[in-house]
Amino acid sequence: MTYQPFEIIGADRPSSILVTCDHAANTVPDFVNNGTLGLPAADMDRHIAYDVGAAGVTRELATLLDAPALLSNFSRLVIDPNRGEDDPTLLMRLYDGTIIPGNRHANADDLERRLEACYRPYHSAQTDLMARNGGSVLVSIHSFTKQLNGYAPRPWHIGILHGADARLATPLIARLEAEDDLCVGINEPYGGHLPGDSVDRHAIDHNRHNVLIEIRNDLIRSDEQQRAWAHRLAPIITGALADIGL
């Protein structure tokens, strides 16, 4: 079977929303060091390799919103689709204290091969989907680990990331903060957006409404938890869109 660097679900669904998951999988394609980055399975199963639980939330959320979804099919350690092509963290050699053996000696040719086989097809598909569904709203789903090595535990259950364009983020944050049991991070555990990242490239550059949602990954490890978060978020997102007239 020919390797496919992304998965599209519900391309013909009518919603003007596109739900994406940049770090959906921990796949290492065969053309990258014969399918291995030299890490033990335990490392490939944690946050350094992909966004744990985010794919399941994305699939269910897209279904509930009757919206198309785009999910990557390569580990963020192969190449990070949520970085610009000129970003120095595009190909990570060290992440959260772990050396990535398969990337230690990666050269410019290796990077270009990964760009051509994984990164660029994923972004091309996202460009096409945004144009096909009206291109008005991008909802990007991510997850974050509860605690990085050597750092304090993160208290947030969910984080909403935005840059200068907070048109959708502002009402979404307000609705999430109205939930009694949620600790909501505003540009936490990371700040805003990076130049050339997925939201910047596919939404901000085109004046499209957008939001990046980060869910703490210990809360979405099981299929049941992923479905529950999707069912919780769907009406909140729909309400926030209604708040801004969409």
Protein backbone atom coordinates (compact mmCIF):
# COMPACT_ATOMS: atom_id res chain seq x y z
CA MET A 1 0.00 0.00 0.00
CA THR A 2 1.32 3.44 -0.96
CA TYR A 3 2.09 5.63 2.01
CA GLN A 4 -0.43 8.44 2.53
CA PRO A 5 0.75 11.34 4.74
CA PHE A 6 -2.72 12.47 5.73
CA GLU A 7 -6.31 11.31 6.19
CA ILE A 8 -9.39 13.26 5.11
CA ILE A 9 -12.75 12.50 6.71
CA GLY A 10 -16.03 13.83 5.36
CA ALA A 11 -14.63 16.01 2.59
CA ASP A 12 -18.15 16.64 1.27
CA ARG A 13 -19.70 17.60 4.59
CA PRO A 14 -21.48 20.96 4.33
CA SER A 15 -20.00 22.89 7.24
CA SER A 16 -17.72 25.85 6.55
CA ILE A 17 -15.59 24.63 9.48
CA LEU A 18 -12.47 22.54 8.88
CA VAL A 19 -11.29 20.54 11.90
CA THR A 20 -7.60 19.65 11.76
CA CYS A 21 -5.19 17.58 13.80
CA ASP A 22 -1.58 18.43 12.94
CA HIS A 23 -0.09 15.86 15.30
CA ALA A 24 -2.58 13.02 14.94
CA ALA A 25 -0.20 10.07 14.52
CA ASN A 26 3.14 8.67 15.65
CA THR A 27 3.78 7.03 12.27
CA VAL A 28 7.36 6.83 10.98
CA PRO A 29 7.23 6.11 7.22
CA ASP A 30 9.50 3.40 5.85
CA PHE A 31 11.62 5.91 3.93
CA VAL A 32 12.72 7.50 7.23
CA ASN A 33 15.47 5.27 8.65
CA ASN A 34 13.53 2.16 7.59
CA GLY A 35 10.53 3.19 9.64
CA THR A 36 12.21 3.97 12.94
CA LEU A 37 13.64 7.00 14.73
CA GLY A 38 15.59 4.76 17.11
CA LEU A 39 13.33 5.47 20.07
CA PRO A 40 11.73 2.83 22.32
CA ALA A 41 8.00 2.24 21.96
CA ALA A 42 7.37 4.01 25.28
CA ASP A 43 8.77 7.26 23.87
CA MET A 44 6.87 6.90 20.59
CA ASP A 45 3.68 6.50 22.61
CA ARG A 46 4.03 9.80 24.48
CA HIS A 47 3.63 13.47 23.70
CA ILE A 48 7.03 13.93 22.09
CA ALA A 49 5.93 11.81 19.11
CA TYR A 50 2.31 12.97 18.65
CA ASP A 51 -0.62 14.64 20.40
CA VAL A 52 -2.04 11.83 22.49
CA GLY A 53 -5.84 11.56 22.18
CA ALA A 54 -6.21 14.48 19.77
CA ALA A 55 -7.08 12.36 16.73
CA GLY A 56 -10.05 10.74 18.47
CA VAL A 57 -11.39 14.11 19.59
CA THR A 58 -10.95 15.47 16.06
CA ARG A 59 -12.86 12.62 14.41
CA GLU A 60 -15.80 12.80 16.79
CA LEU A 61 -15.90 16.60 16.84
CA ALA A 62 -15.93 16.79 13.04
CA THR A 63 -18.81 14.31 12.94
CA LEU A 64 -20.82 16.33 15.47
CA LEU A 65 -20.18 19.58 13.57
CA ASP A 66 -20.91 17.88 10.22
CA ALA A 67 -17.56 19.23 9.12
CA PRO A 68 -14.61 17.77 7.21
CA ALA A 69 -11.51 16.76 9.13
CA LEU A 70 -7.85 16.54 8.15
CA LEU A 71 -5.42 14.45 10.19
CA SER A 72 -1.69 13.99 9.67
CA ASN A 73 -0.19 10.50 9.33
CA PHE A 74 3.40 11.12 10.41
CA SER A 75 5.04 11.75 13.75
CA ARG A 76 5.89 15.31 14.68
CA LEU A 77 9.42 13.91 15.15
CA VAL A 78 9.58 12.99 11.46
CA ILE A 79 8.76 16.59 10.62
CA ASP A 80 6.46 19.04 12.39
CA PRO A 81 3.60 20.28 10.19
CA ASN A 82 2.78 22.98 12.73
CA ARG A 83 5.98 24.88 11.96
CA GLY A 84 7.05 27.05 9.06
CA GLU A 85 9.54 25.57 6.63
CA ASP A 86 12.21 27.96 7.95
CA ASP A 87 11.54 27.19 11.63
CA PRO A 88 14.59 25.64 13.40
CA THR A 89 12.29 23.25 15.29
CA LEU A 90 10.84 21.81 12.08
CA LEU A 91 12.98 18.71 12.57
CA MET A 92 13.66 18.08 16.25
CA ARG A 93 16.87 16.43 17.41
CA LEU A 94 16.08 16.83 21.14
CA TYR A 95 12.60 17.01 22.66
CA ASP A 96 11.68 17.22 26.37
CA GLY A 97 15.11 15.88 27.32
CA THR A 98 15.01 12.96 24.85
CA ILE A 99 17.56 12.73 22.03
CA ILE A 100 16.00 11.58 18.76
CA PRO A 101 18.59 9.14 17.34
CA GLY A 102 17.07 9.02 13.86
CA ASN A 103 17.34 12.79 13.58
CA ARG A 104 20.80 13.35 15.04
CA HIS A 105 22.56 13.19 11.69
CA ALA A 106 19.67 14.19 9.40
CA ASN A 107 20.97 16.50 6.68
CA ALA A 108 19.43 18.92 4.21
CA ASP A 109 18.57 16.11 1.78
CA ASP A 110 16.78 14.19 4.55
CA LEU A 111 14.80 17.29 5.47
CA GLU A 112 13.82 17.94 1.86
CA ARG A 113 12.68 14.32 1.45
CA ARG A 114 10.43 14.62 4.49
CA LEU A 115 9.10 17.97 3.33
CA GLU A 116 8.17 16.54 -0.07
CA ALA A 117 6.70 13.27 1.19
CA CYS A 118 4.90 14.41 4.35
CA TYR A 119 4.79 18.12 5.14
CA ARG A 120 3.93 19.65 1.79
CA PRO A 121 1.21 17.13 0.82
CA TYR A 122 -0.46 17.68 4.20
CA HIS A 123 -0.51 21.44 3.74
CA SER A 124 -1.62 21.14 0.14
CA ALA A 125 -4.59 19.05 1.30
CA GLN A 126 -5.40 21.66 3.95
CA THR A 127 -5.29 24.44 1.36
CA ASP A 128 -7.68 22.52 -0.88
CA LEU A 129 -10.10 21.70 1.94
CA MET A 130 -10.24 25.27 3.19
CA ALA A 131 -11.09 26.44 -0.32
CA ARG A 132 -13.60 23.64 -0.91
CA ASN A 133 -15.71 24.22 2.20
CA GLY A 134 -15.91 27.99 1.94
CA GLY A 135 -12.77 28.59 3.95
CA SER A 136 -14.28 30.60 6.77
CA VAL A 137 -13.34 28.76 9.99
CA LEU A 138 -10.32 26.67 11.03
CA VAL A 139 -10.52 24.67 14.28
CA SER A 140 -7.19 23.04 15.10
CA ILE A 141 -7.16 20.31 17.78
CA HIS A 142 -4.04 19.55 19.83
CA SER A 143 -3.17 18.03 23.20
CA PHE A 144 -0.47 18.75 25.77
CA THR A 145 1.21 16.74 28.46
CA LYS A 146 0.39 17.42 32.10
CA GLN A 147 4.05 17.89 33.02
CA LEU A 148 7.28 18.36 31.10
CA ASN A 149 10.47 16.90 32.56
CA GLY A 150 11.85 19.23 35.21
CA TYR A 151 8.86 21.58 35.18
CA ALA A 152 5.86 22.15 37.43
CA PRO A 153 2.58 20.36 36.65
CA ARG A 154 0.28 22.25 34.33
CA PRO A 155 -3.07 23.05 35.95
CA TRP A 156 -5.12 23.75 32.83
CA HIS A 157 -7.66 21.27 31.52
CA ILE A 158 -7.87 23.09 28.21
CA GLY A 159 -6.00 25.92 26.55
CA ILE A 160 -7.14 28.29 23.82
CA LEU A 161 -4.35 29.71 21.70
CA HIS A 162 -4.65 32.81 19.55
CA GLY A 163 -2.55 35.57 18.11
CA ALA A 164 -3.77 39.01 17.16
CA ASP A 165 -6.91 37.53 15.62
CA ALA A 166 -9.05 36.57 18.60
CA ARG A 167 -12.46 36.94 16.93
CA LEU A 168 -13.42 33.33 17.59
CA ALA A 169 -11.13 32.69 20.54
CA THR A 170 -12.67 35.44 22.70
CA PRO A 171 -16.26 34.11 22.80
CA LEU A 172 -14.97 30.54 22.99
CA ILE A 173 -12.88 31.38 26.06
CA ALA A 174 -15.87 33.11 27.67
CA ARG A 175 -18.06 30.06 27.16
CA LEU A 176 -15.40 27.69 28.47
CA GLU A 177 -14.77 29.86 31.53
CA ALA A 178 -18.50 29.72 32.29
CA GLU A 179 -18.08 25.96 32.84
CA ASP A 180 -17.68 25.50 36.59
CA ASP A 181 -15.30 22.53 36.44
CA LEU A 182 -12.75 23.74 33.86
CA CYS A 183 -9.41 25.44 34.37
CA VAL A 184 -8.96 27.33 31.11
CA GLY A 185 -5.60 28.57 29.87
CA ILE A 186 -5.47 31.60 27.59
CA ASN A 187 -2.42 31.13 25.38
CA GLU A 188 -1.41 28.35 27.77
CA PRO A 189 0.53 26.12 27.92
CA TYR A 190 2.00 27.86 24.87
CA GLY A 191 1.68 31.40 23.61
CA GLY A 192 -0.30 32.40 20.55
CA HIS A 193 0.86 31.31 17.13
CA LEU A 194 4.20 31.08 15.38
CA PRO A 195 4.89 32.67 12.00
CA GLY A 196 4.32 30.05 9.31
CA ASP A 197 2.49 27.56 11.53
CA SER A 198 -0.72 25.89 10.35
CA VAL A 199 -3.14 28.50 11.68
CA ASP A 200 -0.99 31.35 10.44
CA ARG A 201 -0.66 29.79 7.00
CA HIS A 202 -4.23 28.63 6.41
CA ALA A 203 -6.31 31.09 8.46
CA ILE A 204 -4.58 34.26 9.59
CA ASP A 205 -2.96 34.94 6.22
CA HIS A 206 -6.43 34.73 4.64
CA ASN A 207 -8.37 36.61 7.36
CA ARG A 208 -10.27 33.43 8.24
CA HIS A 209 -11.77 32.81 11.66
CA ASN A 210 -9.65 30.40 13.66
CA VAL A 211 -8.91 28.84 17.00
CA LEU A 212 -6.35 26.36 18.28
CA ILE A 213 -7.61 24.14 21.11
CA GLU A 214 -5.21 22.32 23.43
CA ILE A 215 -6.61 19.59 25.71
CA ARG A 216 -4.52 18.05 28.48
CA ASN A 217 -3.75 14.57 27.27
CA ASP A 218 -4.36 12.69 30.51
CA LEU A 219 -8.01 13.72 30.09
CA ILE A 220 -8.39 12.18 26.61
CA ARG A 221 -6.48 8.91 26.74
CA SER A 222 -9.45 6.60 26.24
CA ASP A 223 -11.95 6.48 23.38
CA GLU A 224 -14.69 7.30 25.87
CA GLN A 225 -12.87 10.40 27.14
CA GLN A 226 -12.21 11.57 23.57
CA ARG A 227 -15.87 11.24 22.64
CA ALA A 228 -16.95 12.99 25.84
CA TRP A 229 -14.70 15.99 25.16
CA ALA A 230 -15.90 16.20 21.57
CA HIS A 231 -19.52 16.18 22.74
CA ARG A 232 -18.69 18.86 25.29
CA LEU A 233 -16.85 21.08 22.83
CA ALA A 234 -19.23 20.85 19.86
CA PRO A 235 -22.04 23.01 21.33
CA ILE A 236 -19.52 25.42 22.86
CA ILE A 237 -17.86 25.95 19.49
CA THR A 238 -21.24 26.27 17.77
CA GLY A 239 -22.31 28.82 20.38
CA ALA A 240 -19.10 30.82 20.01
CA LEU A 241 -19.59 30.93 16.25
CA ALA A 242 -23.15 32.15 16.76
CA ASP A 243 -21.79 34.86 19.06
CA ILE A 244 -19.84 36.31 16.12
CA GLY A 245 -22.63 35.85 13.61
CA LEU A 246 -21.50 32.60 11.96
